[in-house]
Amino acid sequence: MAAGWDSGDLKVIDLRAMKLCYEKHFANGIVSAEFDRADGVLNKLTLGTLEGHVYTLDISLGFTEPSVLDSKPLSDTATVW
């Protein structure tokens, strides 16, 4: 499960093991988090923020240290839902 807060914190939690897998702070509040597929091996996690940025994280190797593949400012004043 991935959860984002308006403070910019992202936390990914493994519900089966009941442990925190990954956490990172982003500059803007997170309003949406979406995995690339519902079943099978996960590859990407996409985040939308309050100030119009979209971040794509590569999680294909797990959550040890996912790299930010892409960071696009789509708008300066809009929220990306």
C-alpha atoms as a PDB file:
ATOM      1  CA  MET A   1       0.000   0.000   0.000  1.00  0.00           C
ATOM      2  CA  ALA A   2       1.287   3.461  -0.852  1.00  0.00           C
ATOM      3  CA  ALA A   3       0.143   6.526   1.067  1.00  0.00           C
ATOM      4  CA  GLY A   4       0.996  10.170   0.502  1.00  0.00           C
ATOM      5  CA  TRP A   5       0.351  13.177   2.716  1.00  0.00           C
ATOM      6  CA  ASP A   6      -0.076  16.886   2.138  1.00  0.00           C
ATOM      7  CA  SER A   7       3.288  17.430   3.826  1.00  0.00           C
ATOM      8  CA  GLY A   8       4.995  15.644   0.900  1.00  0.00           C
ATOM      9  CA  ASP A   9       5.732  12.413   2.745  1.00  0.00           C
ATOM     10  CA  LEU A  10       5.345   9.112   0.890  1.00  0.00           C
ATOM     11  CA  LYS A  11       5.203   5.816   2.760  1.00  0.00           C
ATOM     12  CA  VAL A  12       4.941   2.355   1.206  1.00  0.00           C
ATOM     13  CA  ILE A  13       3.762  -0.347   3.600  1.00  0.00           C
ATOM     14  CA  ASP A  14       3.834  -4.136   3.175  1.00  0.00           C
ATOM     15  CA  LEU A  15       0.501  -5.194   4.679  1.00  0.00           C
ATOM     16  CA  ARG A  16       1.381  -8.899   4.775  1.00  0.00           C
ATOM     17  CA  ALA A  17       4.562  -8.356   6.787  1.00  0.00           C
ATOM     18  CA  MET A  18       3.167  -5.258   8.561  1.00  0.00           C
ATOM     19  CA  LYS A  19       6.337  -3.254   7.970  1.00  0.00           C
ATOM     20  CA  LEU A  20       7.360  -0.005   6.361  1.00  0.00           C
ATOM     21  CA  CYS A  21       9.099  -0.733   3.043  1.00  0.00           C
ATOM     22  CA  TYR A  22      10.000   2.751   1.894  1.00  0.00           C
ATOM     23  CA  GLU A  23       9.570   6.394   2.802  1.00  0.00           C
ATOM     24  CA  LYS A  24      10.614   9.594   1.064  1.00  0.00           C
ATOM     25  CA  HIS A  25       9.832  13.283   1.342  1.00  0.00           C
ATOM     26  CA  PHE A  26       8.851  15.293  -1.749  1.00  0.00           C
ATOM     27  CA  ALA A  27       8.723  19.078  -2.010  1.00  0.00           C
ATOM     28  CA  ASN A  28       4.963  19.240  -2.575  1.00  0.00           C
ATOM     29  CA  GLY A  29       2.008  17.455  -1.010  1.00  0.00           C
ATOM     30  CA  ILE A  30       1.043  14.134  -2.589  1.00  0.00           C
ATOM     31  CA  VAL A  31      -2.563  13.870  -3.751  1.00  0.00           C
ATOM     32  CA  SER A  32      -2.446  10.688  -5.846  1.00  0.00           C
ATOM     33  CA  ALA A  33      -0.383   7.494  -5.900  1.00  0.00           C
ATOM     34  CA  GLU A  34      -0.868   4.740  -8.453  1.00  0.00           C
ATOM     35  CA  PHE A  35       0.966   1.496  -9.171  1.00  0.00           C
ATOM     36  CA  ASP A  36       1.375   0.530 -12.834  1.00  0.00           C
ATOM     37  CA  ARG A  37      -0.518  -2.778 -12.495  1.00  0.00           C
ATOM     38  CA  ALA A  38      -2.903  -4.404 -10.075  1.00  0.00           C
ATOM     39  CA  ASP A  39      -1.409  -7.899 -10.218  1.00  0.00           C
ATOM     40  CA  GLY A  40       1.970  -9.396 -10.970  1.00  0.00           C
ATOM     41  CA  VAL A  41       5.338  -7.744 -10.555  1.00  0.00           C
ATOM     42  CA  LEU A  42       5.170  -4.008  -9.904  1.00  0.00           C
ATOM     43  CA  ASN A  43       7.439  -1.807 -12.011  1.00  0.00           C
ATOM     44  CA  LYS A  44       6.465   1.809 -11.431  1.00  0.00           C
ATOM     45  CA  LEU A  45       4.757   4.033  -8.894  1.00  0.00           C
ATOM     46  CA  THR A  46       3.379   7.341 -10.189  1.00  0.00           C
ATOM     47  CA  LEU A  47       2.679  10.262  -7.857  1.00  0.00           C
ATOM     48  CA  GLY A  48       0.723  13.469  -8.460  1.00  0.00           C
ATOM     49  CA  THR A  49       1.332  16.535  -6.280  1.00  0.00           C
ATOM     50  CA  LEU A  50      -0.405  19.729  -5.198  1.00  0.00           C
ATOM     51  CA  GLU A  51       1.759  22.044  -7.298  1.00  0.00           C
ATOM     52  CA  GLY A  52       1.322  20.198 -10.590  1.00  0.00           C
ATOM     53  CA  HIS A  53       4.288  17.802 -10.564  1.00  0.00           C
ATOM     54  CA  VAL A  54       4.155  14.148 -11.602  1.00  0.00           C
ATOM     55  CA  TYR A  55       6.859  11.805 -10.306  1.00  0.00           C
ATOM     56  CA  THR A  56       7.464   8.279 -11.602  1.00  0.00           C
ATOM     57  CA  LEU A  57       9.476   5.944  -9.374  1.00  0.00           C
ATOM     58  CA  ASP A  58      11.128   2.759 -10.656  1.00  0.00           C
ATOM     59  CA  ILE A  59      10.316  -0.022  -8.189  1.00  0.00           C
ATOM     60  CA  SER A  60      11.153  -2.991 -10.416  1.00  0.00           C
ATOM     61  CA  LEU A  61      14.031  -4.019  -8.119  1.00  0.00           C
ATOM     62  CA  GLY A  62      12.030  -3.537  -4.947  1.00  0.00           C
ATOM     63  CA  PHE A  63      11.879  -0.696  -2.480  1.00  0.00           C
ATOM     64  CA  THR A  64      15.504  -0.747  -1.349  1.00  0.00           C
ATOM     65  CA  GLU A  65      16.188   2.548  -3.148  1.00  0.00           C
ATOM     66  CA  PRO A  66      13.803   3.234  -6.023  1.00  0.00           C
ATOM     67  CA  SER A  67      15.033   5.799  -8.486  1.00  0.00           C
ATOM     68  CA  VAL A  68      12.930   8.704  -9.692  1.00  0.00           C
ATOM     69  CA  LEU A  69      12.616   8.060 -13.423  1.00  0.00           C
ATOM     70  CA  ASP A  70      10.735  11.187 -14.305  1.00  0.00           C
ATOM     71  CA  SER A  71       9.762  14.449 -12.677  1.00  0.00           C
ATOM     72  CA  LYS A  72       7.520  16.650 -14.798  1.00  0.00           C
ATOM     73  CA  PRO A  73       6.028  19.964 -13.769  1.00  0.00           C
ATOM     74  CA  LEU A  74       2.722  19.833 -15.668  1.00  0.00           C
ATOM     75  CA  SER A  75       1.422  23.116 -14.305  1.00  0.00           C
ATOM     76  CA  ASP A  76       2.529  25.822 -11.889  1.00  0.00           C
ATOM     77  CA  THR A  77      -0.861  26.413 -10.314  1.00  0.00           C
ATOM     78  CA  ALA A  78      -2.873  23.210 -10.787  1.00  0.00           C
ATOM     79  CA  THR A  79      -3.186  20.052  -8.700  1.00  0.00           C
ATOM     80  CA  VAL A  80      -2.552  16.733 -10.476  1.00  0.00           C
ATOM     81  CA  TRP A  81      -5.188  14.253  -9.324  1.00  0.00           C
END
